[in-house]
Amino acid sequence: MASNRPTISGTRHVIAAGHYLATHAGFQILEAGGNAVDAGVCAGICIGVLQTEKVSFGGVAPTIIFRAEDRKLVSIDGLGVWPK
């Protein structure tokens, strides 16, 4: 199957996003020494610009992180503070 998107691959990192430019930006963060959270935030900001229909002003950012140092899976709801 032909694709107009470039292949983005590496041997030390894994990242996926809904748009190849967001994936590439996150990958560059990892290559520069950033961690998975840095790359995820970068890719998320890019998605907000590249695929505006996928993002709302609500600020919801559910996140799942595996911390290798203590082998724990952390889930963050990312809902922020609700108005009173």
N, C-alpha and C. Protein backbone atom coordinates (compact mmCIF):
# COMPACT_ATOMS: atom_id res chain seq x y z
N MET A 1 0.83 -1.16 0.00
CA MET A 1 0.00 0.00 0.00
C MET A 1 0.89 1.24 0.00
N ALA A 2 0.67 2.13 -0.93
CA ALA A 2 1.47 3.34 -1.05
C ALA A 2 1.03 4.38 -0.02
N SER A 3 2.00 5.16 0.44
CA SER A 3 1.70 6.21 1.41
C SER A 3 2.51 7.44 1.07
N ASN A 4 1.92 8.59 1.27
CA ASN A 4 2.63 9.84 1.04
C ASN A 4 3.35 10.32 2.30
N ARG A 5 3.20 9.59 3.38
CA ARG A 5 3.86 9.96 4.63
C ARG A 5 5.26 9.36 4.67
N PRO A 6 6.21 10.11 5.22
CA PRO A 6 7.56 9.55 5.36
C PRO A 6 7.60 8.51 6.48
N THR A 7 8.53 7.61 6.38
CA THR A 7 8.75 6.63 7.44
C THR A 7 9.57 7.29 8.54
N ILE A 8 9.10 7.17 9.75
CA ILE A 8 9.81 7.71 10.91
C ILE A 8 10.16 6.51 11.78
N SER A 9 11.44 6.21 11.90
CA SER A 9 11.82 5.04 12.68
C SER A 9 13.12 5.30 13.43
N GLY A 10 13.28 4.55 14.49
CA GLY A 10 14.48 4.65 15.30
C GLY A 10 14.73 3.32 15.98
N THR A 11 15.81 3.26 16.72
CA THR A 11 16.15 2.01 17.40
C THR A 11 16.05 2.12 18.92
N ARG A 12 15.81 3.34 19.45
CA ARG A 12 15.78 3.54 20.90
C ARG A 12 14.44 4.03 21.43
N HIS A 13 13.53 4.47 20.56
CA HIS A 13 12.30 5.10 21.00
C HIS A 13 11.10 4.57 20.21
N VAL A 14 9.93 4.75 20.81
CA VAL A 14 8.67 4.47 20.11
C VAL A 14 7.73 5.63 20.40
N ILE A 15 7.12 6.16 19.35
CA ILE A 15 6.11 7.20 19.51
C ILE A 15 5.12 7.09 18.36
N ALA A 16 3.88 7.36 18.64
CA ALA A 16 2.84 7.35 17.61
C ALA A 16 1.90 8.52 17.88
N ALA A 17 1.41 9.12 16.82
CA ALA A 17 0.45 10.22 16.93
C ALA A 17 -0.46 10.17 15.72
N GLY A 18 -1.51 10.95 15.76
CA GLY A 18 -2.50 10.93 14.68
C GLY A 18 -2.05 11.61 13.40
N HIS A 19 -0.93 12.30 13.42
CA HIS A 19 -0.41 12.98 12.23
C HIS A 19 1.10 12.76 12.20
N TYR A 20 1.63 12.49 11.02
CA TYR A 20 3.05 12.15 10.94
C TYR A 20 3.96 13.29 11.39
N LEU A 21 3.54 14.54 11.20
CA LEU A 21 4.38 15.65 11.65
C LEU A 21 4.43 15.73 13.18
N ALA A 22 3.33 15.40 13.84
CA ALA A 22 3.33 15.34 15.30
C ALA A 22 4.22 14.20 15.78
N THR A 23 4.16 13.07 15.09
CA THR A 23 5.04 11.95 15.42
C THR A 23 6.50 12.35 15.27
N HIS A 24 6.80 13.02 14.17
CA HIS A 24 8.18 13.45 13.91
C HIS A 24 8.66 14.43 14.98
N ALA A 25 7.82 15.37 15.36
CA ALA A 25 8.21 16.35 16.38
C ALA A 25 8.49 15.66 17.72
N GLY A 26 7.61 14.74 18.11
CA GLY A 26 7.83 13.99 19.35
C GLY A 26 9.09 13.15 19.29
N PHE A 27 9.34 12.55 18.13
CA PHE A 27 10.55 11.75 17.94
C PHE A 27 11.80 12.61 18.10
N GLN A 28 11.75 13.82 17.57
CA GLN A 28 12.90 14.72 17.69
C GLN A 28 13.16 15.08 19.15
N ILE A 29 12.09 15.22 19.93
CA ILE A 29 12.26 15.48 21.37
C ILE A 29 12.99 14.31 22.03
N LEU A 30 12.58 13.09 21.69
CA LEU A 30 13.24 11.90 22.25
C LEU A 30 14.70 11.82 21.83
N GLU A 31 14.96 12.11 20.57
CA GLU A 31 16.34 12.08 20.07
C GLU A 31 17.22 13.12 20.76
N ALA A 32 16.62 14.23 21.18
CA ALA A 32 17.37 15.29 21.84
C ALA A 32 17.56 15.04 23.33
N GLY A 33 17.04 13.90 23.82
CA GLY A 33 17.23 13.55 25.22
C GLY A 33 16.01 13.72 26.10
N GLY A 34 14.89 14.13 25.51
CA GLY A 34 13.66 14.27 26.29
C GLY A 34 13.09 12.92 26.66
N ASN A 35 12.15 12.92 27.59
CA ASN A 35 11.52 11.67 27.99
C ASN A 35 10.16 11.50 27.31
N ALA A 36 9.47 10.43 27.64
CA ALA A 36 8.19 10.13 26.99
C ALA A 36 7.14 11.21 27.26
N VAL A 37 7.16 11.78 28.45
CA VAL A 37 6.19 12.84 28.75
C VAL A 37 6.49 14.07 27.90
N ASP A 38 7.76 14.44 27.78
CA ASP A 38 8.14 15.57 26.93
C ASP A 38 7.65 15.35 25.50
N ALA A 39 7.90 14.16 24.98
CA ALA A 39 7.51 13.84 23.60
C ALA A 39 6.00 13.83 23.44
N GLY A 40 5.29 13.31 24.43
CA GLY A 40 3.84 13.28 24.36
C GLY A 40 3.22 14.66 24.38
N VAL A 41 3.75 15.53 25.24
CA VAL A 41 3.26 16.91 25.28
C VAL A 41 3.53 17.60 23.95
N CYS A 42 4.71 17.42 23.41
CA CYS A 42 5.06 18.00 22.12
C CYS A 42 4.11 17.52 21.02
N ALA A 43 3.90 16.22 20.94
CA ALA A 43 3.00 15.67 19.92
C ALA A 43 1.58 16.17 20.12
N GLY A 44 1.14 16.27 21.36
CA GLY A 44 -0.20 16.77 21.64
C GLY A 44 -0.40 18.21 21.21
N ILE A 45 0.60 19.05 21.46
CA ILE A 45 0.53 20.44 21.01
C ILE A 45 0.47 20.50 19.50
N CYS A 46 1.28 19.67 18.85
CA CYS A 46 1.27 19.62 17.38
C CYS A 46 -0.10 19.20 16.84
N ILE A 47 -0.72 18.21 17.47
CA ILE A 47 -2.05 17.76 17.04
C ILE A 47 -3.04 18.91 17.15
N GLY A 48 -2.90 19.74 18.18
CA GLY A 48 -3.77 20.90 18.34
C GLY A 48 -3.69 21.87 17.18
N VAL A 49 -2.56 21.91 16.51
CA VAL A 49 -2.36 22.78 15.35
C VAL A 49 -2.70 22.05 14.05
N LEU A 50 -2.26 20.80 13.93
CA LEU A 50 -2.40 20.06 12.67
C LEU A 50 -3.78 19.44 12.47
N GLN A 51 -4.43 19.06 13.54
CA GLN A 51 -5.74 18.42 13.45
C GLN A 51 -6.68 19.06 14.46
N THR A 52 -7.03 20.29 14.21
CA THR A 52 -7.83 21.06 15.17
C THR A 52 -9.18 20.40 15.47
N GLU A 53 -9.68 19.62 14.54
CA GLU A 53 -10.97 18.95 14.77
C GLU A 53 -10.87 17.86 15.83
N LYS A 54 -9.67 17.46 16.19
CA LYS A 54 -9.48 16.40 17.18
C LYS A 54 -9.27 16.94 18.60
N VAL A 55 -9.19 18.26 18.73
CA VAL A 55 -8.87 18.87 20.01
C VAL A 55 -9.95 19.89 20.37
N SER A 56 -10.29 19.98 21.64
CA SER A 56 -11.25 20.98 22.08
C SER A 56 -10.62 21.87 23.14
N PHE A 57 -11.31 22.89 23.50
CA PHE A 57 -10.80 23.81 24.51
C PHE A 57 -10.94 23.27 25.93
N GLY A 58 -11.55 22.12 26.07
CA GLY A 58 -11.82 21.56 27.39
C GLY A 58 -10.59 21.17 28.18
N GLY A 59 -9.49 20.92 27.54
CA GLY A 59 -8.26 20.62 28.23
C GLY A 59 -8.14 19.21 28.77
N VAL A 60 -8.93 18.29 28.26
CA VAL A 60 -8.85 16.90 28.72
C VAL A 60 -7.63 16.24 28.09
N ALA A 61 -6.80 15.63 28.93
CA ALA A 61 -5.58 14.99 28.43
C ALA A 61 -5.33 13.70 29.19
N PRO A 62 -6.13 12.64 28.94
CA PRO A 62 -5.88 11.38 29.64
C PRO A 62 -4.51 10.82 29.24
N THR A 63 -3.77 10.37 30.23
CA THR A 63 -2.40 9.93 29.98
C THR A 63 -2.10 8.66 30.77
N ILE A 64 -1.44 7.71 30.11
CA ILE A 64 -0.96 6.50 30.77
C ILE A 64 0.55 6.46 30.60
N ILE A 65 1.28 6.32 31.70
CA ILE A 65 2.74 6.33 31.67
C ILE A 65 3.26 5.09 32.38
N PHE A 66 4.20 4.40 31.74
CA PHE A 66 4.90 3.29 32.40
C PHE A 66 6.25 3.80 32.86
N ARG A 67 6.48 3.75 34.17
CA ARG A 67 7.76 4.20 34.72
C ARG A 67 8.68 3.00 34.86
N ALA A 68 9.68 2.93 34.01
CA ALA A 68 10.57 1.78 33.98
C ALA A 68 11.38 1.65 35.27
N GLU A 69 11.75 2.77 35.89
CA GLU A 69 12.62 2.70 37.07
C GLU A 69 11.97 1.97 38.24
N ASP A 70 10.65 2.08 38.39
CA ASP A 70 9.98 1.33 39.46
C ASP A 70 8.91 0.39 38.92
N ARG A 71 8.87 0.23 37.61
CA ARG A 71 7.96 -0.69 36.92
C ARG A 71 6.50 -0.47 37.31
N LYS A 72 6.10 0.80 37.40
CA LYS A 72 4.73 1.15 37.75
C LYS A 72 4.02 1.79 36.57
N LEU A 73 2.75 1.46 36.45
CA LEU A 73 1.89 2.07 35.45
C LEU A 73 1.09 3.17 36.13
N VAL A 74 1.18 4.38 35.61
CA VAL A 74 0.51 5.52 36.21
C VAL A 74 -0.54 6.04 35.22
N SER A 75 -1.73 6.29 35.71
CA SER A 75 -2.81 6.83 34.89
C SER A 75 -3.19 8.21 35.43
N ILE A 76 -3.21 9.19 34.55
CA ILE A 76 -3.57 10.56 34.92
C ILE A 76 -4.82 10.91 34.14
N ASP A 77 -5.88 11.34 34.83
CA ASP A 77 -7.12 11.63 34.11
C ASP A 77 -7.02 12.88 33.26
N GLY A 78 -6.20 13.83 33.65
CA GLY A 78 -5.97 15.01 32.83
C GLY A 78 -7.16 15.95 32.71
N LEU A 79 -8.06 15.91 33.68
CA LEU A 79 -9.25 16.75 33.58
C LEU A 79 -9.05 18.15 34.13
N GLY A 80 -8.04 18.36 34.92
CA GLY A 80 -7.83 19.68 35.48
C GLY A 80 -8.85 20.00 36.55
N VAL A 81 -9.05 21.27 36.80
CA VAL A 81 -9.98 21.72 37.83
C VAL A 81 -11.29 22.15 37.17
N TRP A 82 -12.39 21.66 37.70
CA TRP A 82 -13.70 22.03 37.18
C TRP A 82 -14.14 23.34 37.83
N PRO A 83 -14.82 24.20 37.09
CA PRO A 83 -15.32 25.45 37.70
C PRO A 83 -16.39 25.16 38.75
N LYS A 84 -16.52 26.06 39.72
CA LYS A 84 -17.52 25.88 40.79
C LYS A 84 -18.81 26.59 40.45
